[in-house]
C-alpha atoms as a PDB file:
ATOM      1  CA  GLY A   1       0.244  15.703 -22.514  1.00  0.00           C
ATOM      2  CA  GLU A   2      -0.521  12.067 -23.480  1.00  0.00           C
ATOM      3  CA  PRO A   3      -3.596  10.348 -21.966  1.00  0.00           C
ATOM      4  CA  PHE A   4      -2.784   8.168 -18.964  1.00  0.00           C
ATOM      5  CA  SER A   5      -3.671   4.473 -19.460  1.00  0.00           C
ATOM      6  CA  ARG A   6      -3.782   2.631 -16.119  1.00  0.00           C
ATOM      7  CA  THR A   7      -3.190  -1.105 -16.024  1.00  0.00           C
ATOM      8  CA  GLY A   8      -3.831  -1.440 -12.296  1.00  0.00           C
ATOM      9  CA  TYR A   9      -2.757  -0.468  -8.815  1.00  0.00           C
ATOM     10  CA  GLU A  10      -0.310  -1.873  -6.310  1.00  0.00           C
ATOM     11  CA  VAL A  11      -1.348  -1.372  -2.686  1.00  0.00           C
ATOM     12  CA  ILE A  12       1.295  -1.817   0.020  1.00  0.00           C
ATOM     13  CA  VAL A  13       0.588  -1.660   3.762  1.00  0.00           C
ATOM     14  CA  THR A  14       3.622  -1.941   6.026  1.00  0.00           C
ATOM     15  CA  LYS A  15       3.753  -2.086   9.809  1.00  0.00           C
ATOM     16  CA  ASP A  16       5.780   0.900  11.016  1.00  0.00           C
ATOM     17  CA  VAL A  17       8.426  -0.819  13.162  1.00  0.00           C
ATOM     18  CA  ARG A  18      10.691   1.860  14.640  1.00  0.00           C
ATOM     19  CA  ASP A  19      13.208  -0.563  16.181  1.00  0.00           C
ATOM     20  CA  ASP A  20      14.028  -2.192  12.820  1.00  0.00           C
ATOM     21  CA  PRO A  21      16.114   0.407  10.928  1.00  0.00           C
ATOM     22  CA  ASN A  22      16.740  -1.913   7.962  1.00  0.00           C
ATOM     23  CA  GLY A  23      13.087  -2.912   7.522  1.00  0.00           C
ATOM     24  CA  PHE A  24      13.818  -6.639   7.314  1.00  0.00           C
ATOM     25  CA  SER A  25      11.157  -7.714   9.819  1.00  0.00           C
ATOM     26  CA  ARG A  26       8.431  -5.230   8.917  1.00  0.00           C
ATOM     27  CA  PRO A  27       5.217  -7.171   8.178  1.00  0.00           C
ATOM     28  CA  THR A  28       3.956  -6.174   4.717  1.00  0.00           C
ATOM     29  CA  PHE A  29       0.674  -6.624   2.851  1.00  0.00           C
ATOM     30  CA  ASP A  30       1.266  -6.175  -0.911  1.00  0.00           C
ATOM     31  CA  VAL A  31      -1.379  -6.752  -3.583  1.00  0.00           C
ATOM     32  CA  HIS A  32      -2.075  -5.791  -7.201  1.00  0.00           C
ATOM     33  CA  VAL A  33      -5.645  -4.838  -8.126  1.00  0.00           C
ATOM     34  CA  LEU A  34      -7.487  -4.037 -11.340  1.00  0.00           C
ATOM     35  CA  PRO A  35      -7.750  -0.407 -12.500  1.00  0.00           C
ATOM     36  CA  SER A  36     -11.507  -0.533 -11.866  1.00  0.00           C
ATOM     37  CA  ALA A  37     -11.003  -1.146  -8.105  1.00  0.00           C
ATOM     38  CA  THR A  38     -12.309   1.586  -5.814  1.00  0.00           C
ATOM     39  CA  SER A  39     -11.792  -0.151  -2.462  1.00  0.00           C
ATOM     40  CA  LEU A  40      -9.795  -2.929  -0.842  1.00  0.00           C
ATOM     41  CA  THR A  41     -10.387  -4.869   2.370  1.00  0.00           C
ATOM     42  CA  ILE A  42      -7.411  -5.848   4.499  1.00  0.00           C
ATOM     43  CA  SER A  43      -7.806  -8.861   6.774  1.00  0.00           C
ATOM     44  CA  ASP A  44      -8.114  -8.343  10.527  1.00  0.00           C
ATOM     45  CA  GLU A  45      -5.340 -10.931  10.915  1.00  0.00           C
ATOM     46  CA  PHE A  46      -2.868  -8.483   9.353  1.00  0.00           C
ATOM     47  CA  LEU A  47      -3.821  -5.258  11.154  1.00  0.00           C
ATOM     48  CA  GLU A  48      -3.053  -5.043  14.872  1.00  0.00           C
ATOM     49  CA  PRO A  49      -4.866  -2.738  17.330  1.00  0.00           C
ATOM     50  CA  SER A  50      -3.213   0.589  18.254  1.00  0.00           C
ATOM     51  CA  THR A  51      -0.480   0.118  15.645  1.00  0.00           C
ATOM     52  CA  ASN A  52       1.094   2.528  13.137  1.00  0.00           C
ATOM     53  CA  TYR A  53       1.176   1.586   9.449  1.00  0.00           C
ATOM     54  CA  GLU A  54       2.386   3.089   6.202  1.00  0.00           C
ATOM     55  CA  LEU A  55       0.066   2.901   3.165  1.00  0.00           C
ATOM     56  CA  GLU A  56       1.444   3.288  -0.365  1.00  0.00           C
ATOM     57  CA  VAL A  57      -0.638   3.173  -3.546  1.00  0.00           C
ATOM     58  CA  LEU A  58       1.143   2.879  -6.884  1.00  0.00           C
ATOM     59  CA  VAL A  59      -0.724   3.612 -10.104  1.00  0.00           C
ATOM     60  CA  LEU A  60       0.668   1.308 -12.792  1.00  0.00           C
ATOM     61  CA  GLU A  61       0.632   2.561 -16.393  1.00  0.00           C
ATOM     62  CA  VAL A  62       0.763   0.622 -19.666  1.00  0.00           C
ATOM     63  CA  SER A  63       4.259   1.940 -20.508  1.00  0.00           C
ATOM     64  CA  GLY A  64       5.637   0.649 -17.190  1.00  0.00           C
ATOM     65  CA  ASN A  65       5.638   4.061 -15.492  1.00  0.00           C
ATOM     66  CA  GLN A  66       4.429   4.228 -11.896  1.00  0.00           C
ATOM     67  CA  THR A  67       3.131   7.039  -9.714  1.00  0.00           C
ATOM     68  CA  ILE A  68       3.122   6.560  -5.939  1.00  0.00           C
ATOM     69  CA  SER A  69       1.246   8.232  -3.098  1.00  0.00           C
ATOM     70  CA  GLY A  70       1.739   7.425   0.556  1.00  0.00           C
ATOM     71  CA  LEU A  71       0.456   8.175   4.026  1.00  0.00           C
ATOM     72  CA  PHE A  72       0.663   6.896   7.601  1.00  0.00           C
ATOM     73  CA  PHE A  73      -2.284   5.766   9.738  1.00  0.00           C
ATOM     74  CA  GLN A  74      -2.929   4.180  13.127  1.00  0.00           C
ATOM     75  CA  THR A  75      -5.482   1.483  13.882  1.00  0.00           C
ATOM     76  CA  GLY A  76      -7.937   1.875  16.758  1.00  0.00           C
ATOM     77  CA  LYS A  77      -7.904  -0.061  19.993  1.00  0.00           C
END
């Protein structure tokens, strides 16, 4: 019932490495952005062609609560 007051977003992009069950060597891009952000560019140096990635977006709220959404995507050749 209370209005939601965003303080920002956390965007996490992780390379989906199937042969690393513990996730210790999974390259990760992790950045916090302002609540007014509507887009984010990720450097070509991070994304590899024909590779699977996981994208997670956390909405950060003034009370410290977080809401997360996630999806998987694959880059082109």
